[in-house]
Amino acid sequence: MTSTLDPRLNAYRPDLADERLKGKVDAPRYVAGELRQVSQPVAGLKAKPDAAAGLENEVLFGETVTAFDEADGWAWVQLRTGTAMSATCTPRR
């Protein structure tokens, strides 16, 4: 099975996938993930578990993520969809 799902919106990688993607992507292991809340002012999201890797995004204190895997001090997470006040999200120009 070949996947065309956007990896920015769907949690999957060659060795692991979100259990909701079973039947949509091939993976040797599927997991439900665990809801976690960011407990630091800012958590940097990186493409790979390496302190030298470039910053791809940031998660702020109190935001919820789903953790699918954890090893060597790194958690592989996906951001959750949420709601923000309209005034804080202005249209791109």
PDB file of N, CA and C in Angstrom:
ATOM      1  N   MET A   1       0.851  -1.166   0.000  1.00  0.00           N
ATOM      2  CA  MET A   1       0.000   0.000   0.000  1.00  0.00           C
ATOM      3  C   MET A   1       0.900   1.233   0.000  1.00  0.00           C
ATOM      4  N   THR A   2       0.676   2.145  -0.905  1.00  0.00           N
ATOM      5  CA  THR A   2       1.447   3.377  -0.971  1.00  0.00           C
ATOM      6  C   THR A   2       0.590   4.510  -0.459  1.00  0.00           C
ATOM      7  N   SER A   3       1.174   5.321   0.385  1.00  0.00           N
ATOM      8  CA  SER A   3       0.416   6.403   0.990  1.00  0.00           C
ATOM      9  C   SER A   3       0.672   7.723   0.280  1.00  0.00           C
ATOM     10  N   THR A   4      -0.372   8.512   0.148  1.00  0.00           N
ATOM     11  CA  THR A   4      -0.233   9.867  -0.360  1.00  0.00           C
ATOM     12  C   THR A   4      -0.713  10.858   0.688  1.00  0.00           C
ATOM     13  N   LEU A   5      -0.824  10.396   1.929  1.00  0.00           N
ATOM     14  CA  LEU A   5      -1.264  11.267   3.012  1.00  0.00           C
ATOM     15  C   LEU A   5      -0.176  12.280   3.350  1.00  0.00           C
ATOM     16  N   ASP A   6      -0.576  13.480   3.685  1.00  0.00           N
ATOM     17  CA  ASP A   6       0.358  14.537   4.058  1.00  0.00           C
ATOM     18  C   ASP A   6       0.947  14.221   5.432  1.00  0.00           C
ATOM     19  N   PRO A   7       2.266  14.016   5.538  1.00  0.00           N
ATOM     20  CA  PRO A   7       2.865  13.683   6.829  1.00  0.00           C
ATOM     21  C   PRO A   7       2.808  14.831   7.834  1.00  0.00           C
ATOM     22  N   ARG A   8       2.503  16.041   7.379  1.00  0.00           N
ATOM     23  CA  ARG A   8       2.335  17.152   8.323  1.00  0.00           C
ATOM     24  C   ARG A   8       1.002  17.054   9.048  1.00  0.00           C
ATOM     25  N   LEU A   9       0.064  16.330   8.466  1.00  0.00           N
ATOM     26  CA  LEU A   9      -1.270  16.202   9.052  1.00  0.00           C
ATOM     27  C   LEU A   9      -1.549  14.808   9.592  1.00  0.00           C
ATOM     28  N   ASN A  10      -0.728  13.848   9.220  1.00  0.00           N
ATOM     29  CA  ASN A  10      -0.918  12.450   9.610  1.00  0.00           C
ATOM     30  C   ASN A  10       0.382  11.913  10.189  1.00  0.00           C
ATOM     31  N   ALA A  11       0.291  11.291  11.356  1.00  0.00           N
ATOM     32  CA  ALA A  11       1.485  10.796  12.045  1.00  0.00           C
ATOM     33  C   ALA A  11       1.863   9.411  11.534  1.00  0.00           C
ATOM     34  N   TYR A  12       2.856   9.371  10.650  1.00  0.00           N
ATOM     35  CA  TYR A  12       3.389   8.090  10.198  1.00  0.00           C
ATOM     36  C   TYR A  12       4.831   8.269   9.758  1.00  0.00           C
ATOM     37  N   ARG A  13       5.579   7.207   9.908  1.00  0.00           N
ATOM     38  CA  ARG A  13       6.966   7.135   9.465  1.00  0.00           C
ATOM     39  C   ARG A  13       7.219   5.675   9.105  1.00  0.00           C
ATOM     40  N   PRO A  14       8.357   5.319   8.550  1.00  0.00           N
ATOM     41  CA  PRO A  14       8.547   3.938   8.082  1.00  0.00           C
ATOM     42  C   PRO A  14       8.345   2.856   9.143  1.00  0.00           C
ATOM     43  N   ASP A  15       8.646   3.153  10.409  1.00  0.00           N
ATOM     44  CA  ASP A  15       8.575   2.123  11.449  1.00  0.00           C
ATOM     45  C   ASP A  15       7.354   2.207  12.354  1.00  0.00           C
ATOM     46  N   LEU A  16       6.528   3.247  12.207  1.00  0.00           N
ATOM     47  CA  LEU A  16       5.458   3.487  13.172  1.00  0.00           C
ATOM     48  C   LEU A  16       4.394   4.401  12.579  1.00  0.00           C
ATOM     49  N   ALA A  17       3.134   4.165  12.960  1.00  0.00           N
ATOM     50  CA  ALA A  17       2.057   5.039  12.493  1.00  0.00           C
ATOM     51  C   ALA A  17       0.953   5.129  13.539  1.00  0.00           C
ATOM     52  N   ASP A  18       0.219   6.211  13.478  1.00  0.00           N
ATOM     53  CA  ASP A  18      -0.978   6.405  14.295  1.00  0.00           C
ATOM     54  C   ASP A  18      -1.945   5.265  13.967  1.00  0.00           C
ATOM     55  N   GLU A  19      -2.526   4.654  14.986  1.00  0.00           N
ATOM     56  CA  GLU A  19      -3.423   3.516  14.747  1.00  0.00           C
ATOM     57  C   GLU A  19      -4.630   3.884  13.891  1.00  0.00           C
ATOM     58  N   ARG A  20      -4.991   5.166  13.843  1.00  0.00           N
ATOM     59  CA  ARG A  20      -6.115   5.597  12.999  1.00  0.00           C
ATOM     60  C   ARG A  20      -5.777   5.510  11.515  1.00  0.00           C
ATOM     61  N   LEU A  21      -4.495   5.287  11.199  1.00  0.00           N
ATOM     62  CA  LEU A  21      -4.071   5.186   9.802  1.00  0.00           C
ATOM     63  C   LEU A  21      -3.936   3.744   9.324  1.00  0.00           C
ATOM     64  N   LYS A  22      -4.310   2.796  10.173  1.00  0.00           N
ATOM     65  CA  LYS A  22      -4.239   1.381   9.786  1.00  0.00           C
ATOM     66  C   LYS A  22      -5.117   1.174   8.553  1.00  0.00           C
ATOM     67  N   GLY A  23      -4.561   0.544   7.539  1.00  0.00           N
ATOM     68  CA  GLY A  23      -5.276   0.349   6.283  1.00  0.00           C
ATOM     69  C   GLY A  23      -5.042   1.476   5.294  1.00  0.00           C
ATOM     70  N   LYS A  24      -4.417   2.569   5.746  1.00  0.00           N
ATOM     71  CA  LYS A  24      -4.113   3.699   4.859  1.00  0.00           C
ATOM     72  C   LYS A  24      -2.620   3.819   4.585  1.00  0.00           C
ATOM     73  N   VAL A  25      -1.802   3.432   5.564  1.00  0.00           N
ATOM     74  CA  VAL A  25      -0.348   3.443   5.391  1.00  0.00           C
ATOM     75  C   VAL A  25       0.215   2.124   5.906  1.00  0.00           C
ATOM     76  N   ASP A  26       1.319   1.699   5.320  1.00  0.00           N
ATOM     77  CA  ASP A  26       2.002   0.491   5.781  1.00  0.00           C
ATOM     78  C   ASP A  26       2.973   0.856   6.889  1.00  0.00           C
ATOM     79  N   ALA A  27       2.905   0.127   7.971  1.00  0.00           N
ATOM     80  CA  ALA A  27       3.847   0.300   9.074  1.00  0.00           C
ATOM     81  C   ALA A  27       3.896  -1.007   9.849  1.00  0.00           C
ATOM     82  N   PRO A  28       5.056  -1.366  10.375  1.00  0.00           N
ATOM     83  CA  PRO A  28       5.132  -2.597  11.163  1.00  0.00           C
ATOM     84  C   PRO A  28       4.452  -2.474  12.523  1.00  0.00           C
ATOM     85  N   ARG A  29       4.217  -1.228  12.966  1.00  0.00           N
ATOM     86  CA  ARG A  29       3.601  -1.030  14.279  1.00  0.00           C
ATOM     87  C   ARG A  29       2.683   0.188  14.233  1.00  0.00           C
ATOM     88  N   TYR A  30       1.509   0.046  14.835  1.00  0.00           N
ATOM     89  CA  TYR A  30       0.543   1.141  14.951  1.00  0.00           C
ATOM     90  C   TYR A  30       0.295   1.386  16.437  1.00  0.00           C
ATOM     91  N   VAL A  31       0.240   2.653  16.838  1.00  0.00           N
ATOM     92  CA  VAL A  31       0.003   2.979  18.244  1.00  0.00           C
ATOM     93  C   VAL A  31      -1.065   4.059  18.359  1.00  0.00           C
ATOM     94  N   ALA A  32      -1.751   4.062  19.508  1.00  0.00           N
ATOM     95  CA  ALA A  32      -2.817   5.034  19.749  1.00  0.00           C
ATOM     96  C   ALA A  32      -2.271   6.418  20.056  1.00  0.00           C
ATOM     97  N   GLY A  33      -1.118   6.488  20.657  1.00  0.00           N
ATOM     98  CA  GLY A  33      -0.586   7.778  21.074  1.00  0.00           C
ATOM     99  C   GLY A  33      -1.137   8.158  22.434  1.00  0.00           C
ATOM    100  N   GLU A  34      -0.454   9.080  23.081  1.00  0.00           N
ATOM    101  CA  GLU A  34      -0.825   9.522  24.421  1.00  0.00           C
ATOM    102  C   GLU A  34      -0.913  11.041  24.433  1.00  0.00           C
ATOM    103  N   LEU A  35      -2.027  11.580  24.922  1.00  0.00           N
ATOM    104  CA  LEU A  35      -2.159  13.029  25.016  1.00  0.00           C
ATOM    105  C   LEU A  35      -1.216  13.551  26.086  1.00  0.00           C
ATOM    106  N   ARG A  36      -0.497  14.611  25.732  1.00  0.00           N
ATOM    107  CA  ARG A  36       0.411  15.270  26.669  1.00  0.00           C
ATOM    108  C   ARG A  36       0.229  16.771  26.547  1.00  0.00           C
ATOM    109  N   GLN A  37       0.590  17.466  27.608  1.00  0.00           N
ATOM    110  CA  GLN A  37       0.473  18.920  27.623  1.00  0.00           C
ATOM    111  C   GLN A  37       1.869  19.512  27.779  1.00  0.00           C
ATOM    112  N   VAL A  38       2.179  20.526  26.993  1.00  0.00           N
ATOM    113  CA  VAL A  38       3.486  21.171  27.060  1.00  0.00           C
ATOM    114  C   VAL A  38       3.625  21.857  28.418  1.00  0.00           C
ATOM    115  N   SER A  39       4.713  21.545  29.125  1.00  0.00           N
ATOM    116  CA  SER A  39       4.904  22.051  30.484  1.00  0.00           C
ATOM    117  C   SER A  39       6.023  23.080  30.585  1.00  0.00           C
ATOM    118  N   GLN A  40       6.629  23.416  29.465  1.00  0.00           N
ATOM    119  CA  GLN A  40       7.672  24.444  29.413  1.00  0.00           C
ATOM    120  C   GLN A  40       7.122  25.643  28.645  1.00  0.00           C
ATOM    121  N   PRO A  41       7.735  26.826  28.781  1.00  0.00           N
ATOM    122  CA  PRO A  41       7.223  27.989  28.043  1.00  0.00           C
ATOM    123  C   PRO A  41       7.115  27.742  26.538  1.00  0.00           C
ATOM    124  N   VAL A  42       8.119  27.091  25.960  1.00  0.00           N
ATOM    125  CA  VAL A  42       8.128  26.792  24.524  1.00  0.00           C
ATOM    126  C   VAL A  42       8.828  25.451  24.315  1.00  0.00           C
ATOM    127  N   ALA A  43       8.274  24.622  23.441  1.00  0.00           N
ATOM    128  CA  ALA A  43       8.924  23.371  23.055  1.00  0.00           C
ATOM    129  C   ALA A  43       9.193  23.435  21.558  1.00  0.00           C
ATOM    130  N   GLY A  44      10.438  23.295  21.173  1.00  0.00           N
ATOM    131  CA  GLY A  44      10.794  23.322  19.761  1.00  0.00           C
ATOM    132  C   GLY A  44      10.520  21.981  19.101  1.00  0.00           C
ATOM    133  N   LEU A  45       9.899  22.009  17.925  1.00  0.00           N
ATOM    134  CA  LEU A  45       9.658  20.787  17.156  1.00  0.00           C
ATOM    135  C   LEU A  45      10.724  20.671  16.075  1.00  0.00           C
ATOM    136  N   LYS A  46      11.365  19.518  16.025  1.00  0.00           N
ATOM    137  CA  LYS A  46      12.443  19.287  15.075  1.00  0.00           C
ATOM    138  C   LYS A  46      12.090  18.113  14.168  1.00  0.00           C
ATOM    139  N   ALA A  47      12.697  18.070  12.991  1.00  0.00           N
ATOM    140  CA  ALA A  47      12.412  17.000  12.032  1.00  0.00           C
ATOM    141  C   ALA A  47      12.965  15.661  12.496  1.00  0.00           C
ATOM    142  N   LYS A  48      14.014  15.691  13.321  1.00  0.00           N
ATOM    143  CA  LYS A  48      14.612  14.455  13.824  1.00  0.00           C
ATOM    144  C   LYS A  48      15.106  14.683  15.244  1.00  0.00           C
ATOM    145  N   PRO A  49      15.296  13.622  16.006  1.00  0.00           N
ATOM    146  CA  PRO A  49      15.709  13.749  17.405  1.00  0.00           C
ATOM    147  C   PRO A  49      17.188  14.100  17.535  1.00  0.00           C
ATOM    148  N   ASP A  50      17.500  15.366  17.263  1.00  0.00           N
ATOM    149  CA  ASP A  50      18.880  15.838  17.292  1.00  0.00           C
ATOM    150  C   ASP A  50      18.852  17.312  17.686  1.00  0.00           C
ATOM    151  N   ALA A  51      19.566  17.661  18.752  1.00  0.00           N
ATOM    152  CA  ALA A  51      19.569  19.047  19.225  1.00  0.00           C
ATOM    153  C   ALA A  51      20.060  20.016  18.152  1.00  0.00           C
ATOM    154  N   ALA A  52      20.899  19.544  17.232  1.00  0.00           N
ATOM    155  CA  ALA A  52      21.430  20.401  16.176  1.00  0.00           C
ATOM    156  C   ALA A  52      20.477  20.535  14.987  1.00  0.00           C
ATOM    157  N   ALA A  53      19.419  19.741  14.952  1.00  0.00           N
ATOM    158  CA  ALA A  53      18.453  19.817  13.839  1.00  0.00           C
ATOM    159  C   ALA A  53      17.741  21.163  13.866  1.00  0.00           C
ATOM    160  N   GLY A  54      17.403  21.654  12.698  1.00  0.00           N
ATOM    161  CA  GLY A  54      16.720  22.936  12.598  1.00  0.00           C
ATOM    162  C   GLY A  54      15.332  22.912  13.225  1.00  0.00           C
ATOM    163  N   LEU A  55      14.894  24.060  13.671  1.00  0.00           N
ATOM    164  CA  LEU A  55      13.578  24.212  14.276  1.00  0.00           C
ATOM    165  C   LEU A  55      12.516  24.260  13.179  1.00  0.00           C
ATOM    166  N   GLU A  56      11.508  23.399  13.268  1.00  0.00           N
ATOM    167  CA  GLU A  56      10.436  23.372  12.267  1.00  0.00           C
ATOM    168  C   GLU A  56       9.198  24.114  12.736  1.00  0.00           C
ATOM    169  N   ASN A  57       8.957  24.080  14.045  1.00  0.00           N
ATOM    170  CA  ASN A  57       7.764  24.711  14.611  1.00  0.00           C
ATOM    171  C   ASN A  57       7.976  24.825  16.105  1.00  0.00           C
ATOM    172  N   GLU A  58       7.074  25.494  16.783  1.00  0.00           N
ATOM    173  CA  GLU A  58       7.130  25.601  18.235  1.00  0.00           C
ATOM    174  C   GLU A  58       5.762  25.314  18.823  1.00  0.00           C
ATOM    175  N   VAL A  59       5.769  24.747  20.008  1.00  0.00           N
ATOM    176  CA  VAL A  59       4.538  24.484  20.742  1.00  0.00           C
ATOM    177  C   VAL A  59       4.642  25.286  22.032  1.00  0.00           C
ATOM    178  N   LEU A  60       3.566  25.938  22.411  1.00  0.00           N
ATOM    179  CA  LEU A  60       3.591  26.817  23.576  1.00  0.00           C
ATOM    180  C   LEU A  60       3.053  26.143  24.829  1.00  0.00           C
ATOM    181  N   PHE A  61       3.427  26.695  25.970  1.00  0.00           N
ATOM    182  CA  PHE A  61       2.987  26.197  27.269  1.00  0.00           C
ATOM    183  C   PHE A  61       1.477  25.957  27.271  1.00  0.00           C
ATOM    184  N   GLY A  62       1.081  24.788  27.745  1.00  0.00           N
ATOM    185  CA  GLY A  62      -0.336  24.458  27.865  1.00  0.00           C
ATOM    186  C   GLY A  62      -0.943  23.798  26.646  1.00  0.00           C
ATOM    187  N   GLU A  63      -0.262  23.882  25.492  1.00  0.00           N
ATOM    188  CA  GLU A  63      -0.812  23.245  24.293  1.00  0.00           C
ATOM    189  C   GLU A  63      -0.758  21.728  24.430  1.00  0.00           C
ATOM    190  N   THR A  64      -1.678  21.064  23.749  1.00  0.00           N
ATOM    191  CA  THR A  64      -1.767  19.612  23.796  1.00  0.00           C
ATOM    192  C   THR A  64      -1.142  19.006  22.547  1.00  0.00           C
ATOM    193  N   VAL A  65      -0.373  17.949  22.748  1.00  0.00           N
ATOM    194  CA  VAL A  65       0.208  17.181  21.650  1.00  0.00           C
ATOM    195  C   VAL A  65      -0.124  15.713  21.881  1.00  0.00           C
ATOM    196  N   THR A  66      -0.005  14.916  20.839  1.00  0.00           N
ATOM    197  CA  THR A  66      -0.133  13.468  20.974  1.00  0.00           C
ATOM    198  C   THR A  66       1.248  12.874  20.768  1.00  0.00           C
ATOM    199  N   ALA A  67       1.730  12.122  21.756  1.00  0.00           N
ATOM    200  CA  ALA A  67       3.040  11.474  21.670  1.00  0.00           C
ATOM    201  C   ALA A  67       2.854  10.031  21.208  1.00  0.00           C
ATOM    202  N   PHE A  68       3.543   9.663  20.140  1.00  0.00           N
ATOM    203  CA  PHE A  68       3.434   8.318  19.580  1.00  0.00           C
ATOM    204  C   PHE A  68       4.637   7.438  19.909  1.00  0.00           C
ATOM    205  N   ASP A  69       5.760   8.055  20.234  1.00  0.00           N
ATOM    206  CA  ASP A  69       6.968   7.281  20.516  1.00  0.00           C
ATOM    207  C   ASP A  69       7.887   8.134  21.377  1.00  0.00           C
ATOM    208  N   GLU A  70       8.700   7.472  22.200  1.00  0.00           N
ATOM    209  CA  GLU A  70       9.659   8.185  23.036  1.00  0.00           C
ATOM    210  C   GLU A  70      10.914   7.337  23.177  1.00  0.00           C
ATOM    211  N   ALA A  71      12.058   7.965  22.914  1.00  0.00           N
ATOM    212  CA  ALA A  71      13.338   7.262  23.032  1.00  0.00           C
ATOM    213  C   ALA A  71      14.463   8.273  23.209  1.00  0.00           C
ATOM    214  N   ASP A  72      15.396   7.948  24.069  1.00  0.00           N
ATOM    215  CA  ASP A  72      16.603   8.758  24.267  1.00  0.00           C
ATOM    216  C   ASP A  72      16.304  10.227  24.566  1.00  0.00           C
ATOM    217  N   GLY A  73      15.262  10.476  25.328  1.00  0.00           N
ATOM    218  CA  GLY A  73      14.939  11.847  25.713  1.00  0.00           C
ATOM    219  C   GLY A  73      14.151  12.649  24.692  1.00  0.00           C
ATOM    220  N   TRP A  74      13.708  12.009  23.630  1.00  0.00           N
ATOM    221  CA  TRP A  74      12.923  12.679  22.588  1.00  0.00           C
ATOM    222  C   TRP A  74      11.566  11.996  22.456  1.00  0.00           C
ATOM    223  N   ALA A  75      10.529  12.777  22.211  1.00  0.00           N
ATOM    224  CA  ALA A  75       9.193  12.234  21.954  1.00  0.00           C
ATOM    225  C   ALA A  75       8.789  12.627  20.539  1.00  0.00           C
ATOM    226  N   TRP A  76       8.242  11.674  19.802  1.00  0.00           N
ATOM    227  CA  TRP A  76       7.726  11.951  18.458  1.00  0.00           C
ATOM    228  C   TRP A  76       6.266  12.324  18.641  1.00  0.00           C
ATOM    229  N   VAL A  77       5.927  13.588  18.350  1.00  0.00           N
ATOM    230  CA  VAL A  77       4.596  14.104  18.667  1.00  0.00           C
ATOM    231  C   VAL A  77       3.914  14.713  17.451  1.00  0.00           C
ATOM    232  N   GLN A  78       2.611  14.867  17.596  1.00  0.00           N
ATOM    233  CA  GLN A  78       1.801  15.557  16.598  1.00  0.00           C
ATOM    234  C   GLN A  78       1.008  16.625  17.330  1.00  0.00           C
ATOM    235  N   LEU A  79       0.959  17.828  16.764  1.00  0.00           N
ATOM    236  CA  LEU A  79       0.153  18.903  17.345  1.00  0.00           C
ATOM    237  C   LEU A  79      -1.318  18.588  17.167  1.00  0.00           C
ATOM    238  N   ARG A  80      -2.121  19.090  18.063  1.00  0.00           N
ATOM    239  CA  ARG A  80      -3.566  18.890  17.967  1.00  0.00           C
ATOM    240  C   ARG A  80      -4.222  20.151  17.432  1.00  0.00           C
ATOM    241  N   THR A  81      -5.340  19.986  16.775  1.00  0.00           N
ATOM    242  CA  THR A  81      -6.099  21.119  16.278  1.00  0.00           C
ATOM    243  C   THR A  81      -6.807  21.774  17.448  1.00  0.00           C
ATOM    244  N   GLY A  82      -6.855  23.075  17.431  1.00  0.00           N
ATOM    245  CA  GLY A  82      -7.506  23.786  18.524  1.00  0.00           C
ATOM    246  C   GLY A  82      -8.223  25.020  18.015  1.00  0.00           C
ATOM    247  N   THR A  83      -8.635  25.839  18.940  1.00  0.00           N
ATOM    248  CA  THR A  83      -9.368  27.059  18.626  1.00  0.00           C
ATOM    249  C   THR A  83      -8.634  28.243  19.233  1.00  0.00           C
ATOM    250  N   ALA A  84      -8.531  29.318  18.472  1.00  0.00           N
ATOM    251  CA  ALA A  84      -7.885  30.537  18.956  1.00  0.00           C
ATOM    252  C   ALA A  84      -8.813  31.714  18.695  1.00  0.00           C
ATOM    253  N   MET A  85      -8.648  32.767  19.478  1.00  0.00           N
ATOM    254  CA  MET A  85      -9.444  33.977  19.257  1.00  0.00           C
ATOM    255  C   MET A  85      -9.087  34.549  17.891  1.00  0.00           C
ATOM    256  N   SER A  86     -10.077  34.990  17.148  1.00  0.00           N
ATOM    257  CA  SER A  86      -9.864  35.503  15.793  1.00  0.00           C
ATOM    258  C   SER A  86      -8.843  36.633  15.759  1.00  0.00           C
ATOM    259  N   ALA A  87      -8.851  37.485  16.763  1.00  0.00           N
ATOM    260  CA  ALA A  87      -7.944  38.630  16.796  1.00  0.00           C
ATOM    261  C   ALA A  87      -6.477  38.209  16.870  1.00  0.00           C
ATOM    262  N   THR A  88      -6.217  36.980  17.306  1.00  0.00           N
ATOM    263  CA  THR A  88      -4.828  36.522  17.410  1.00  0.00           C
ATOM    264  C   THR A  88      -4.337  35.869  16.128  1.00  0.00           C
ATOM    265  N   CYS A  89      -5.222  35.693  15.160  1.00  0.00           N
ATOM    266  CA  CYS A  89      -4.868  35.015  13.906  1.00  0.00           C
ATOM    267  C   CYS A  89      -5.283  35.887  12.733  1.00  0.00           C
ATOM    268  N   THR A  90      -4.408  36.759  12.325  1.00  0.00           N
ATOM    269  CA  THR A  90      -4.758  37.663  11.237  1.00  0.00           C
ATOM    270  C   THR A  90      -4.486  37.006   9.886  1.00  0.00           C
ATOM    271  N   PRO A  91      -5.205  37.423   8.835  1.00  0.00           N
ATOM    272  CA  PRO A  91      -4.989  36.850   7.508  1.00  0.00           C
ATOM    273  C   PRO A  91      -3.568  37.116   7.014  1.00  0.00           C
ATOM    274  N   ARG A  92      -3.036  36.181   6.239  1.00  0.00           N
ATOM    275  CA  ARG A  92      -1.715  36.381   5.639  1.00  0.00           C
ATOM    276  C   ARG A  92      -1.811  37.456   4.577  1.00  0.00           C
ATOM    277  N   ARG A  93      -0.780  38.218   4.445  1.00  0.00           N
ATOM    278  CA  ARG A  93      -0.770  39.303   3.453  1.00  0.00           C
ATOM    279  C   ARG A  93       0.319  39.074   2.443  1.00  0.00           C
TER     280      ARG A  93
END
